[in-house]
Amino acid sequence: MTQDGKLETQVTVEKLRNGRWAFVLRRGTVVYPATGQYSSQLQAVSAGQQALKAIVSKG
């Protein structure tokens, strides 16, 4: 938890064994598994940031 009482949320991008890219979301102690099969790292980062915004805005 951060100092203001909100859960810490982060996105990491990983390269899969098949050469594609995916993102992993972590919110507090919950880890959402690798999502997506993106052809570039930039696409995975963009999708991960959009998912992060959606989760944070829900509360």
PDB file of N, CA and C in Angstrom:
ATOM      1  N   MET A   1       0.826  -1.181   0.000  1.00  0.00           N
ATOM      2  CA  MET A   1       0.000   0.000   0.000  1.00  0.00           C
ATOM      3  C   MET A   1       0.867   1.240   0.000  1.00  0.00           C
ATOM      4  N   THR A   2       0.389   2.245  -0.672  1.00  0.00           N
ATOM      5  CA  THR A   2       1.114   3.504  -0.681  1.00  0.00           C
ATOM      6  C   THR A   2       0.768   4.296   0.568  1.00  0.00           C
ATOM      7  N   GLN A   3       1.427   5.412   0.747  1.00  0.00           N
ATOM      8  CA  GLN A   3       1.226   6.211   1.951  1.00  0.00           C
ATOM      9  C   GLN A   3      -0.181   6.779   2.057  1.00  0.00           C
ATOM     10  N   ASP A   4      -0.840   7.006   0.928  1.00  0.00           N
ATOM     11  CA  ASP A   4      -2.190   7.560   0.975  1.00  0.00           C
ATOM     12  C   ASP A   4      -3.272   6.490   1.103  1.00  0.00           C
ATOM     13  N   GLY A   5      -2.886   5.240   1.302  1.00  0.00           N
ATOM     14  CA  GLY A   5      -3.833   4.163   1.558  1.00  0.00           C
ATOM     15  C   GLY A   5      -4.334   3.442   0.320  1.00  0.00           C
ATOM     16  N   LYS A   6      -3.853   3.799  -0.851  1.00  0.00           N
ATOM     17  CA  LYS A   6      -4.277   3.135  -2.076  1.00  0.00           C
ATOM     18  C   LYS A   6      -3.361   1.961  -2.378  1.00  0.00           C
ATOM     19  N   LEU A   7      -3.914   0.955  -3.045  1.00  0.00           N
ATOM     20  CA  LEU A   7      -3.111  -0.196  -3.430  1.00  0.00           C
ATOM     21  C   LEU A   7      -2.124   0.193  -4.519  1.00  0.00           C
ATOM     22  N   GLU A   8      -0.927  -0.334  -4.414  1.00  0.00           N
ATOM     23  CA  GLU A   8       0.081  -0.087  -5.453  1.00  0.00           C
ATOM     24  C   GLU A   8      -0.258  -0.947  -6.668  1.00  0.00           C
ATOM     25  N   THR A   9      -0.289  -0.328  -7.829  1.00  0.00           N
ATOM     26  CA  THR A   9      -0.621  -1.018  -9.070  1.00  0.00           C
ATOM     27  C   THR A   9       0.495  -0.804 -10.069  1.00  0.00           C
ATOM     28  N   GLN A  10       0.897  -1.882 -10.757  1.00  0.00           N
ATOM     29  CA  GLN A  10       1.959  -1.743 -11.750  1.00  0.00           C
ATOM     30  C   GLN A  10       1.732  -2.690 -12.909  1.00  0.00           C
ATOM     31  N   VAL A  11       2.305  -2.339 -14.042  1.00  0.00           N
ATOM     32  CA  VAL A  11       2.237  -3.145 -15.260  1.00  0.00           C
ATOM     33  C   VAL A  11       3.659  -3.495 -15.663  1.00  0.00           C
ATOM     34  N   THR A  12       3.895  -4.755 -15.963  1.00  0.00           N
ATOM     35  CA  THR A  12       5.177  -5.159 -16.515  1.00  0.00           C
ATOM     36  C   THR A  12       4.922  -5.851 -17.848  1.00  0.00           C
ATOM     37  N   VAL A  13       5.867  -5.715 -18.744  1.00  0.00           N
ATOM     38  CA  VAL A  13       5.755  -6.321 -20.072  1.00  0.00           C
ATOM     39  C   VAL A  13       6.796  -7.424 -20.166  1.00  0.00           C
ATOM     40  N   GLU A  14       6.365  -8.572 -20.675  1.00  0.00           N
ATOM     41  CA  GLU A  14       7.252  -9.726 -20.768  1.00  0.00           C
ATOM     42  C   GLU A  14       7.212 -10.309 -22.174  1.00  0.00           C
ATOM     43  N   LYS A  15       8.338 -10.841 -22.589  1.00  0.00           N
ATOM     44  CA  LYS A  15       8.401 -11.530 -23.878  1.00  0.00           C
ATOM     45  C   LYS A  15       8.078 -13.002 -23.641  1.00  0.00           C
ATOM     46  N   LEU A  16       7.139 -13.517 -24.400  1.00  0.00           N
ATOM     47  CA  LEU A  16       6.731 -14.905 -24.263  1.00  0.00           C
ATOM     48  C   LEU A  16       7.684 -15.829 -25.007  1.00  0.00           C
ATOM     49  N   ARG A  17       7.590 -17.111 -24.737  1.00  0.00           N
ATOM     50  CA  ARG A  17       8.478 -18.088 -25.386  1.00  0.00           C
ATOM     51  C   ARG A  17       8.306 -18.147 -26.896  1.00  0.00           C
ATOM     52  N   ASN A  18       7.119 -17.792 -27.371  1.00  0.00           N
ATOM     53  CA  ASN A  18       6.868 -17.843 -28.809  1.00  0.00           C
ATOM     54  C   ASN A  18       7.297 -16.556 -29.516  1.00  0.00           C
ATOM     55  N   GLY A  19       7.952 -15.638 -28.800  1.00  0.00           N
ATOM     56  CA  GLY A  19       8.448 -14.410 -29.393  1.00  0.00           C
ATOM     57  C   GLY A  19       7.465 -13.252 -29.372  1.00  0.00           C
ATOM     58  N   ARG A  20       6.265 -13.486 -28.892  1.00  0.00           N
ATOM     59  CA  ARG A  20       5.247 -12.443 -28.795  1.00  0.00           C
ATOM     60  C   ARG A  20       5.375 -11.744 -27.445  1.00  0.00           C
ATOM     61  N   TRP A  21       4.633 -10.651 -27.261  1.00  0.00           N
ATOM     62  CA  TRP A  21       4.707  -9.859 -26.036  1.00  0.00           C
ATOM     63  C   TRP A  21       3.379  -9.896 -25.287  1.00  0.00           C
ATOM     64  N   ALA A  22       3.442  -9.807 -23.961  1.00  0.00           N
ATOM     65  CA  ALA A  22       2.257  -9.789 -23.113  1.00  0.00           C
ATOM     66  C   ALA A  22       2.516  -8.853 -21.939  1.00  0.00           C
ATOM     67  N   PHE A  23       1.430  -8.428 -21.269  1.00  0.00           N
ATOM     68  CA  PHE A  23       1.597  -7.612 -20.072  1.00  0.00           C
ATOM     69  C   PHE A  23       1.024  -8.335 -18.864  1.00  0.00           C
ATOM     70  N   VAL A  24       1.574  -8.039 -17.704  1.00  0.00           N
ATOM     71  CA  VAL A  24       1.131  -8.607 -16.440  1.00  0.00           C
ATOM     72  C   VAL A  24       0.774  -7.443 -15.522  1.00  0.00           C
ATOM     73  N   LEU A  25      -0.418  -7.500 -14.926  1.00  0.00           N
ATOM     74  CA  LEU A  25      -0.852  -6.462 -13.985  1.00  0.00           C
ATOM     75  C   LEU A  25      -0.690  -6.970 -12.555  1.00  0.00           C
ATOM     76  N   ARG A  26      -0.210  -6.106 -11.689  1.00  0.00           N
ATOM     77  CA  ARG A  26      -0.114  -6.403 -10.266  1.00  0.00           C
ATOM     78  C   ARG A  26      -0.811  -5.278  -9.503  1.00  0.00           C
ATOM     79  N   ARG A  27      -1.754  -5.641  -8.649  1.00  0.00           N
ATOM     80  CA  ARG A  27      -2.457  -4.656  -7.826  1.00  0.00           C
ATOM     81  C   ARG A  27      -2.423  -5.164  -6.398  1.00  0.00           C
ATOM     82  N   GLY A  28      -1.613  -4.521  -5.586  1.00  0.00           N
ATOM     83  CA  GLY A  28      -1.403  -5.001  -4.228  1.00  0.00           C
ATOM     84  C   GLY A  28      -0.733  -6.358  -4.277  1.00  0.00           C
ATOM     85  N   THR A  29      -1.375  -7.350  -3.672  1.00  0.00           N
ATOM     86  CA  THR A  29      -0.819  -8.699  -3.679  1.00  0.00           C
ATOM     87  C   THR A  29      -1.417  -9.574  -4.769  1.00  0.00           C
ATOM     88  N   VAL A  30      -2.359  -9.030  -5.539  1.00  0.00           N
ATOM     89  CA  VAL A  30      -3.017  -9.788  -6.601  1.00  0.00           C
ATOM     90  C   VAL A  30      -2.233  -9.623  -7.900  1.00  0.00           C
ATOM     91  N   VAL A  31      -1.942 -10.743  -8.556  1.00  0.00           N
ATOM     92  CA  VAL A  31      -1.240 -10.730  -9.837  1.00  0.00           C
ATOM     93  C   VAL A  31      -2.180 -11.289 -10.891  1.00  0.00           C
ATOM     94  N   TYR A  32      -2.486 -10.459 -11.889  1.00  0.00           N
ATOM     95  CA  TYR A  32      -3.298 -10.902 -13.014  1.00  0.00           C
ATOM     96  C   TYR A  32      -2.347 -11.506 -14.045  1.00  0.00           C
ATOM     97  N   PRO A  33      -2.637 -12.692 -14.562  1.00  0.00           N
ATOM     98  CA  PRO A  33      -1.685 -13.379 -15.444  1.00  0.00           C
ATOM     99  C   PRO A  33      -1.418 -12.636 -16.747  1.00  0.00           C
ATOM    100  N   ALA A  34      -0.378 -13.078 -17.434  1.00  0.00           N
ATOM    101  CA  ALA A  34       0.012 -12.475 -18.709  1.00  0.00           C
ATOM    102  C   ALA A  34      -1.173 -12.456 -19.657  1.00  0.00           C
ATOM    103  N   THR A  35      -1.385 -11.289 -20.258  1.00  0.00           N
ATOM    104  CA  THR A  35      -2.524 -11.091 -21.134  1.00  0.00           C
ATOM    105  C   THR A  35      -2.048 -10.609 -22.491  1.00  0.00           C
ATOM    106  N   GLY A  36      -2.578 -11.196 -23.536  1.00  0.00           N
ATOM    107  CA  GLY A  36      -2.307 -10.717 -24.880  1.00  0.00           C
ATOM    108  C   GLY A  36      -1.208 -11.474 -25.587  1.00  0.00           C
ATOM    109  N   GLN A  37      -1.209 -11.323 -26.874  1.00  0.00           N
ATOM    110  CA  GLN A  37      -0.193 -11.893 -27.750  1.00  0.00           C
ATOM    111  C   GLN A  37       0.145 -10.801 -28.756  1.00  0.00           C
ATOM    112  N   TYR A  38       0.877  -9.812 -28.327  1.00  0.00           N
ATOM    113  CA  TYR A  38       1.178  -8.646 -29.152  1.00  0.00           C
ATOM    114  C   TYR A  38       2.468  -8.863 -29.932  1.00  0.00           C
ATOM    115  N   SER A  39       2.496  -8.350 -31.158  1.00  0.00           N
ATOM    116  CA  SER A  39       3.665  -8.565 -32.005  1.00  0.00           C
ATOM    117  C   SER A  39       4.818  -7.631 -31.664  1.00  0.00           C
ATOM    118  N   SER A  40       4.531  -6.518 -30.969  1.00  0.00           N
ATOM    119  CA  SER A  40       5.614  -5.614 -30.583  1.00  0.00           C
ATOM    120  C   SER A  40       5.496  -5.249 -29.105  1.00  0.00           C
ATOM    121  N   GLN A  41       6.623  -4.875 -28.561  1.00  0.00           N
ATOM    122  CA  GLN A  41       6.662  -4.470 -27.154  1.00  0.00           C
ATOM    123  C   GLN A  41       5.831  -3.212 -26.935  1.00  0.00           C
ATOM    124  N   LEU A  42       5.848  -2.305 -27.885  1.00  0.00           N
ATOM    125  CA  LEU A  42       5.097  -1.059 -27.773  1.00  0.00           C
ATOM    126  C   LEU A  42       3.596  -1.311 -27.694  1.00  0.00           C
ATOM    127  N   GLN A  43       3.094  -2.261 -28.469  1.00  0.00           N
ATOM    128  CA  GLN A  43       1.676  -2.602 -28.421  1.00  0.00           C
ATOM    129  C   GLN A  43       1.304  -3.152 -27.046  1.00  0.00           C
ATOM    130  N   ALA A  44       2.159  -3.993 -26.472  1.00  0.00           N
ATOM    131  CA  ALA A  44       1.895  -4.566 -25.156  1.00  0.00           C
ATOM    132  C   ALA A  44       1.912  -3.488 -24.078  1.00  0.00           C
ATOM    133  N   VAL A  45       2.844  -2.557 -24.170  1.00  0.00           N
ATOM    134  CA  VAL A  45       2.913  -1.459 -23.198  1.00  0.00           C
ATOM    135  C   VAL A  45       1.649  -0.616 -23.271  1.00  0.00           C
ATOM    136  N   SER A  46       1.220  -0.296 -24.471  1.00  0.00           N
ATOM    137  CA  SER A  46       0.022   0.518 -24.658  1.00  0.00           C
ATOM    138  C   SER A  46      -1.223  -0.178 -24.101  1.00  0.00           C
ATOM    139  N   ALA A  47      -1.386  -1.445 -24.412  1.00  0.00           N
ATOM    140  CA  ALA A  47      -2.536  -2.204 -23.912  1.00  0.00           C
ATOM    141  C   ALA A  47      -2.489  -2.328 -22.390  1.00  0.00           C
ATOM    142  N   GLY A  48      -1.301  -2.529 -21.849  1.00  0.00           N
ATOM    143  CA  GLY A  48      -1.150  -2.629 -20.397  1.00  0.00           C
ATOM    144  C   GLY A  48      -1.507  -1.331 -19.701  1.00  0.00           C
ATOM    145  N   GLN A  49      -1.108  -0.203 -20.276  1.00  0.00           N
ATOM    146  CA  GLN A  49      -1.432   1.092 -19.683  1.00  0.00           C
ATOM    147  C   GLN A  49      -2.939   1.354 -19.730  1.00  0.00           C
ATOM    148  N   GLN A  50      -3.597   0.961 -20.801  1.00  0.00           N
ATOM    149  CA  GLN A  50      -5.046   1.122 -20.890  1.00  0.00           C
ATOM    150  C   GLN A  50      -5.753   0.260 -19.847  1.00  0.00           C
ATOM    151  N   ALA A  51      -5.293  -0.967 -19.667  1.00  0.00           N
ATOM    152  CA  ALA A  51      -5.881  -1.843 -18.653  1.00  0.00           C
ATOM    153  C   ALA A  51      -5.655  -1.288 -17.262  1.00  0.00           C
ATOM    154  N   LEU A  52      -4.468  -0.735 -17.022  1.00  0.00           N
ATOM    155  CA  LEU A  52      -4.147  -0.130 -15.731  1.00  0.00           C
ATOM    156  C   LEU A  52      -5.083   1.037 -15.430  1.00  0.00           C
ATOM    157  N   LYS A  53      -5.292   1.907 -16.410  1.00  0.00           N
ATOM    158  CA  LYS A  53      -6.201   3.043 -16.217  1.00  0.00           C
ATOM    159  C   LYS A  53      -7.607   2.561 -15.890  1.00  0.00           C
ATOM    160  N   ALA A  54      -8.063   1.521 -16.557  1.00  0.00           N
ATOM    161  CA  ALA A  54      -9.405   1.001 -16.318  1.00  0.00           C
ATOM    162  C   ALA A  54      -9.543   0.444 -14.905  1.00  0.00           C
ATOM    163  N   ILE A  55      -8.531  -0.267 -14.434  1.00  0.00           N
ATOM    164  CA  ILE A  55      -8.578  -0.841 -13.085  1.00  0.00           C
ATOM    165  C   ILE A  55      -8.514   0.247 -12.028  1.00  0.00           C
ATOM    166  N   VAL A  56      -7.635   1.215 -12.194  1.00  0.00           N
ATOM    167  CA  VAL A  56      -7.469   2.283 -11.213  1.00  0.00           C
ATOM    168  C   VAL A  56      -8.728   3.149 -11.143  1.00  0.00           C
ATOM    169  N   SER A  57      -9.354   3.420 -12.280  1.00  0.00           N
ATOM    170  CA  SER A  57     -10.533   4.277 -12.280  1.00  0.00           C
ATOM    171  C   SER A  57     -11.730   3.616 -11.618  1.00  0.00           C
ATOM    172  N   LYS A  58     -11.769   2.273 -11.602  1.00  0.00           N
ATOM    173  CA  LYS A  58     -12.862   1.559 -10.943  1.00  0.00           C
ATOM    174  C   LYS A  58     -12.746   1.609  -9.424  1.00  0.00           C
ATOM    175  N   GLY A  59     -11.563   1.878  -8.955  1.00  0.00           N
ATOM    176  CA  GLY A  59     -11.452   2.028  -7.521  1.00  0.00           C
ATOM    177  C   GLY A  59     -10.521   1.134  -6.888  1.00  0.00           C
TER     178      GLY A  59
END
